[in-house]
Amino acid sequence: MRSPRSLVGGSPAAAYEITFDGRALPAQDGQSVAAVLWAAGILAWRTTREGGAPRGAFCGIGSCYDCLVTVNGRPNQRACLLPARPGDAVTTQEGTGRADLAV
């Protein structure tokens, strides 16, 4: 069977792990955080400010901000644009991602 990989003669890059809400996920060089989550079957990783509705990637090009996630303690990172790095700790972002700053 022909696949894109067989057509270009590519092979998988060395894998490493990131975590999502404490769950270890395999990642490869060049993958965005969103791609790693998608590959693991995770489609939502943020909740909206009003109502807590689940959100994940929508536009995939960093225009809509639906894919915001907290990475290594930094909220509001666009998962579709952010390259995954070995050891990244990714967590679900609730609302604005700034609950610790609430008054």
N, C-alpha and C. Protein backbone atom coordinates (compact mmCIF):
# COMPACT_ATOMS: atom_id res chain seq x y z
N MET A 1 0.83 -1.18 0.00
CA MET A 1 0.00 0.00 0.00
C MET A 1 0.88 1.25 0.00
N ARG A 2 0.50 2.21 -0.79
CA ARG A 2 1.26 3.46 -0.86
C ARG A 2 0.77 4.42 0.21
N SER A 3 1.71 5.03 0.87
CA SER A 3 1.39 6.03 1.88
C SER A 3 2.30 7.24 1.65
N PRO A 4 1.97 8.38 2.22
CA PRO A 4 2.87 9.53 2.07
C PRO A 4 4.30 9.20 2.51
N ARG A 5 4.43 8.46 3.59
CA ARG A 5 5.77 8.12 4.08
C ARG A 5 6.50 7.24 3.07
N SER A 6 5.82 6.27 2.48
CA SER A 6 6.50 5.40 1.52
C SER A 6 6.88 6.16 0.25
N LEU A 7 6.08 7.16 -0.12
CA LEU A 7 6.38 7.94 -1.31
C LEU A 7 7.63 8.81 -1.16
N VAL A 8 7.87 9.32 0.03
CA VAL A 8 9.03 10.18 0.24
C VAL A 8 10.20 9.45 0.87
N GLY A 9 9.98 8.22 1.28
CA GLY A 9 11.07 7.44 1.86
C GLY A 9 11.42 7.86 3.27
N GLY A 10 10.49 8.49 3.96
CA GLY A 10 10.76 8.97 5.31
C GLY A 10 10.69 7.86 6.35
N SER A 11 11.22 8.15 7.48
CA SER A 11 11.12 7.24 8.62
C SER A 11 10.84 8.08 9.86
N PRO A 12 10.21 7.49 10.86
CA PRO A 12 9.87 8.27 12.06
C PRO A 12 11.12 8.81 12.74
N ALA A 13 10.99 10.01 13.25
CA ALA A 13 12.09 10.62 14.02
C ALA A 13 12.13 9.97 15.40
N ALA A 14 13.22 10.18 16.07
CA ALA A 14 13.34 9.65 17.43
C ALA A 14 12.21 10.21 18.29
N ALA A 15 11.61 9.35 19.08
CA ALA A 15 10.49 9.76 19.92
C ALA A 15 10.97 10.17 21.31
N TYR A 16 10.19 11.02 21.93
CA TYR A 16 10.41 11.41 23.31
C TYR A 16 9.03 11.55 23.94
N GLU A 17 8.97 11.93 25.22
CA GLU A 17 7.68 12.04 25.90
C GLU A 17 7.42 13.46 26.37
N ILE A 18 6.13 13.82 26.33
CA ILE A 18 5.63 14.97 27.04
C ILE A 18 4.50 14.44 27.92
N THR A 19 4.01 15.23 28.83
CA THR A 19 2.86 14.79 29.62
C THR A 19 1.69 15.73 29.39
N PHE A 20 0.51 15.17 29.45
CA PHE A 20 -0.73 15.95 29.39
C PHE A 20 -1.57 15.57 30.59
N ASP A 21 -1.77 16.52 31.48
CA ASP A 21 -2.50 16.27 32.72
C ASP A 21 -1.96 15.03 33.43
N GLY A 22 -0.64 14.88 33.42
CA GLY A 22 0.04 13.79 34.10
C GLY A 22 0.17 12.50 33.31
N ARG A 23 -0.44 12.44 32.14
CA ARG A 23 -0.39 11.24 31.28
C ARG A 23 0.76 11.37 30.29
N ALA A 24 1.64 10.37 30.24
CA ALA A 24 2.77 10.40 29.31
C ALA A 24 2.27 10.15 27.89
N LEU A 25 2.75 10.99 26.96
CA LEU A 25 2.38 10.87 25.55
C LEU A 25 3.64 10.86 24.70
N PRO A 26 3.68 10.00 23.67
CA PRO A 26 4.83 10.00 22.77
C PRO A 26 4.77 11.19 21.82
N ALA A 27 5.93 11.77 21.55
CA ALA A 27 6.03 12.90 20.62
C ALA A 27 7.26 12.69 19.74
N GLN A 28 7.25 13.37 18.60
CA GLN A 28 8.39 13.31 17.69
C GLN A 28 8.81 14.72 17.33
N ASP A 29 10.10 14.86 16.99
CA ASP A 29 10.60 16.17 16.57
C ASP A 29 9.72 16.74 15.47
N GLY A 30 9.43 18.01 15.58
CA GLY A 30 8.64 18.68 14.55
C GLY A 30 7.15 18.71 14.83
N GLN A 31 6.68 17.93 15.78
CA GLN A 31 5.25 17.95 16.08
C GLN A 31 4.92 19.14 16.97
N SER A 32 3.76 19.72 16.69
CA SER A 32 3.25 20.76 17.59
C SER A 32 2.61 20.06 18.79
N VAL A 33 2.37 20.83 19.83
CA VAL A 33 1.67 20.27 21.00
C VAL A 33 0.31 19.74 20.56
N ALA A 34 -0.40 20.48 19.71
CA ALA A 34 -1.71 20.02 19.23
C ALA A 34 -1.59 18.69 18.48
N ALA A 35 -0.57 18.53 17.65
CA ALA A 35 -0.39 17.28 16.91
C ALA A 35 -0.16 16.10 17.84
N VAL A 36 0.60 16.32 18.91
CA VAL A 36 0.85 15.26 19.88
C VAL A 36 -0.47 14.88 20.55
N LEU A 37 -1.26 15.88 20.94
CA LEU A 37 -2.54 15.60 21.59
C LEU A 37 -3.50 14.89 20.64
N TRP A 38 -3.59 15.36 19.41
CA TRP A 38 -4.45 14.70 18.41
C TRP A 38 -4.05 13.24 18.23
N ALA A 39 -2.74 13.00 18.10
CA ALA A 39 -2.26 11.63 17.87
C ALA A 39 -2.63 10.71 19.02
N ALA A 40 -2.80 11.28 20.21
CA ALA A 40 -3.18 10.49 21.39
C ALA A 40 -4.70 10.40 21.54
N GLY A 41 -5.44 10.98 20.59
CA GLY A 41 -6.89 10.93 20.65
C GLY A 41 -7.52 11.99 21.54
N ILE A 42 -6.73 12.97 21.93
CA ILE A 42 -7.23 14.05 22.80
C ILE A 42 -7.65 15.21 21.90
N LEU A 43 -8.93 15.54 21.96
CA LEU A 43 -9.47 16.56 21.05
C LEU A 43 -9.82 17.87 21.74
N ALA A 44 -9.88 17.89 23.07
CA ALA A 44 -10.18 19.12 23.81
C ALA A 44 -9.20 19.26 24.96
N TRP A 45 -8.68 20.48 25.13
CA TRP A 45 -7.70 20.71 26.20
C TRP A 45 -7.84 22.11 26.78
N ARG A 46 -8.98 22.71 26.61
CA ARG A 46 -9.26 24.01 27.19
C ARG A 46 -10.75 24.11 27.45
N THR A 47 -11.13 24.94 28.42
CA THR A 47 -12.54 25.24 28.63
C THR A 47 -12.74 26.74 28.46
N THR A 48 -13.92 27.12 28.02
CA THR A 48 -14.21 28.54 27.80
C THR A 48 -14.42 29.25 29.13
N ARG A 49 -14.22 30.56 29.11
CA ARG A 49 -14.42 31.38 30.31
C ARG A 49 -15.86 31.34 30.77
N GLU A 50 -16.77 31.46 29.84
CA GLU A 50 -18.20 31.46 30.14
C GLU A 50 -18.78 30.08 29.85
N GLY A 51 -19.17 29.39 30.87
CA GLY A 51 -19.84 28.10 30.69
C GLY A 51 -18.94 26.87 30.72
N GLY A 52 -17.66 27.03 30.59
CA GLY A 52 -16.75 25.88 30.68
C GLY A 52 -16.88 24.88 29.54
N ALA A 53 -17.24 25.34 28.34
CA ALA A 53 -17.37 24.44 27.19
C ALA A 53 -15.98 23.97 26.74
N PRO A 54 -15.87 22.70 26.33
CA PRO A 54 -14.56 22.18 25.89
C PRO A 54 -14.15 22.76 24.55
N ARG A 55 -12.85 22.99 24.41
CA ARG A 55 -12.28 23.49 23.16
C ARG A 55 -10.97 22.78 22.88
N GLY A 56 -10.60 22.72 21.61
CA GLY A 56 -9.33 22.15 21.16
C GLY A 56 -8.89 22.97 19.96
N ALA A 57 -8.29 22.33 19.00
CA ALA A 57 -7.86 23.03 17.80
C ALA A 57 -9.06 23.30 16.90
N PHE A 58 -9.10 24.47 16.30
CA PHE A 58 -10.17 24.80 15.38
C PHE A 58 -9.57 25.22 14.03
N CYS A 59 -8.80 26.30 14.03
CA CYS A 59 -8.26 26.78 12.76
C CYS A 59 -6.93 26.10 12.41
N GLY A 60 -6.14 25.76 13.42
CA GLY A 60 -4.87 25.10 13.17
C GLY A 60 -3.75 26.01 12.69
N ILE A 61 -4.00 27.33 12.63
CA ILE A 61 -2.97 28.26 12.16
C ILE A 61 -2.73 29.41 13.13
N GLY A 62 -3.25 29.30 14.35
CA GLY A 62 -2.98 30.31 15.37
C GLY A 62 -3.82 31.56 15.30
N SER A 63 -4.91 31.55 14.54
CA SER A 63 -5.75 32.74 14.41
C SER A 63 -6.91 32.78 15.40
N CYS A 64 -7.42 31.63 15.81
CA CYS A 64 -8.67 31.62 16.58
C CYS A 64 -8.49 31.52 18.09
N TYR A 65 -7.39 31.07 18.57
CA TYR A 65 -7.10 30.94 19.99
C TYR A 65 -7.95 29.88 20.70
N ASP A 66 -8.62 29.01 19.97
CA ASP A 66 -9.37 27.94 20.62
C ASP A 66 -8.45 26.88 21.22
N CYS A 67 -7.23 26.79 20.77
CA CYS A 67 -6.33 25.72 21.19
C CYS A 67 -5.43 26.09 22.36
N LEU A 68 -5.78 27.15 23.10
CA LEU A 68 -4.94 27.58 24.21
C LEU A 68 -4.76 26.47 25.24
N VAL A 69 -3.55 26.37 25.74
CA VAL A 69 -3.18 25.32 26.68
C VAL A 69 -2.12 25.89 27.62
N THR A 70 -1.96 25.26 28.76
CA THR A 70 -0.90 25.66 29.69
C THR A 70 0.27 24.70 29.51
N VAL A 71 1.45 25.24 29.25
CA VAL A 71 2.65 24.43 29.03
C VAL A 71 3.73 24.88 30.01
N ASN A 72 4.21 23.94 30.80
CA ASN A 72 5.26 24.22 31.79
C ASN A 72 4.88 25.40 32.68
N GLY A 73 3.59 25.46 33.04
CA GLY A 73 3.11 26.51 33.94
C GLY A 73 2.75 27.82 33.27
N ARG A 74 2.99 27.94 31.96
CA ARG A 74 2.67 29.17 31.22
C ARG A 74 1.33 29.01 30.51
N PRO A 75 0.31 29.77 30.94
CA PRO A 75 -1.00 29.67 30.29
C PRO A 75 -1.02 30.37 28.95
N ASN A 76 -2.10 30.15 28.21
CA ASN A 76 -2.38 30.84 26.96
C ASN A 76 -1.37 30.58 25.86
N GLN A 77 -0.85 29.37 25.79
CA GLN A 77 0.04 28.97 24.70
C GLN A 77 -0.81 28.34 23.60
N ARG A 78 -0.59 28.75 22.36
CA ARG A 78 -1.35 28.20 21.23
C ARG A 78 -0.75 26.85 20.84
N ALA A 79 -1.47 25.78 21.16
CA ALA A 79 -0.99 24.42 20.94
C ALA A 79 -0.72 24.12 19.48
N CYS A 80 -1.44 24.77 18.57
CA CYS A 80 -1.25 24.49 17.15
C CYS A 80 0.05 25.07 16.62
N LEU A 81 0.60 26.07 17.30
CA LEU A 81 1.84 26.71 16.84
C LEU A 81 3.06 26.32 17.66
N LEU A 82 2.86 25.86 18.87
CA LEU A 82 3.97 25.60 19.78
C LEU A 82 4.60 24.23 19.54
N PRO A 83 5.89 24.19 19.19
CA PRO A 83 6.54 22.89 19.02
C PRO A 83 6.63 22.16 20.36
N ALA A 84 6.34 20.88 20.35
CA ALA A 84 6.49 20.07 21.56
C ALA A 84 7.98 19.89 21.82
N ARG A 85 8.36 19.92 23.07
CA ARG A 85 9.75 19.74 23.48
C ARG A 85 9.82 18.60 24.48
N PRO A 86 10.91 17.84 24.48
CA PRO A 86 11.04 16.74 25.43
C PRO A 86 10.81 17.21 26.86
N GLY A 87 9.95 16.50 27.57
CA GLY A 87 9.68 16.80 28.97
C GLY A 87 8.63 17.86 29.22
N ASP A 88 8.04 18.43 28.17
CA ASP A 88 7.00 19.44 28.38
C ASP A 88 5.89 18.89 29.26
N ALA A 89 5.41 19.71 30.19
CA ALA A 89 4.26 19.37 31.03
C ALA A 89 3.10 20.23 30.56
N VAL A 90 2.17 19.61 29.86
CA VAL A 90 1.02 20.29 29.29
C VAL A 90 -0.18 19.98 30.17
N THR A 91 -0.96 21.03 30.49
CA THR A 91 -2.16 20.81 31.30
C THR A 91 -3.35 21.51 30.67
N THR A 92 -4.52 20.98 30.96
CA THR A 92 -5.76 21.58 30.50
C THR A 92 -5.84 23.01 31.03
N GLN A 93 -6.23 23.92 30.16
CA GLN A 93 -6.39 25.31 30.59
C GLN A 93 -7.85 25.55 30.90
N GLU A 94 -8.12 25.96 32.12
CA GLU A 94 -9.49 26.28 32.54
C GLU A 94 -9.72 27.78 32.38
N GLY A 95 -10.72 28.16 31.58
CA GLY A 95 -11.04 29.56 31.40
C GLY A 95 -9.88 30.37 30.85
N THR A 96 -9.48 31.41 31.59
CA THR A 96 -8.40 32.29 31.13
C THR A 96 -7.03 31.73 31.39
N GLY A 97 -6.94 30.66 32.21
CA GLY A 97 -5.64 30.10 32.54
C GLY A 97 -4.94 30.88 33.63
N ARG A 98 -5.63 31.78 34.25
CA ARG A 98 -5.04 32.64 35.27
C ARG A 98 -5.80 32.54 36.59
N ALA A 99 -6.29 31.37 36.94
CA ALA A 99 -7.06 31.17 38.17
C ALA A 99 -6.25 31.60 39.40
N ASP A 100 -4.94 31.41 39.34
CA ASP A 100 -4.11 31.77 40.49
C ASP A 100 -4.04 33.29 40.70
N LEU A 101 -4.48 34.08 39.74
CA LEU A 101 -4.45 35.53 39.85
C LEU A 101 -5.83 36.11 40.20
N ALA A 102 -6.83 35.24 40.36
CA ALA A 102 -8.19 35.70 40.64
C ALA A 102 -8.26 36.42 41.98
N VAL A 103 -9.12 37.43 42.05
CA VAL A 103 -9.32 38.17 43.32
C VAL A 103 -10.63 37.81 43.95
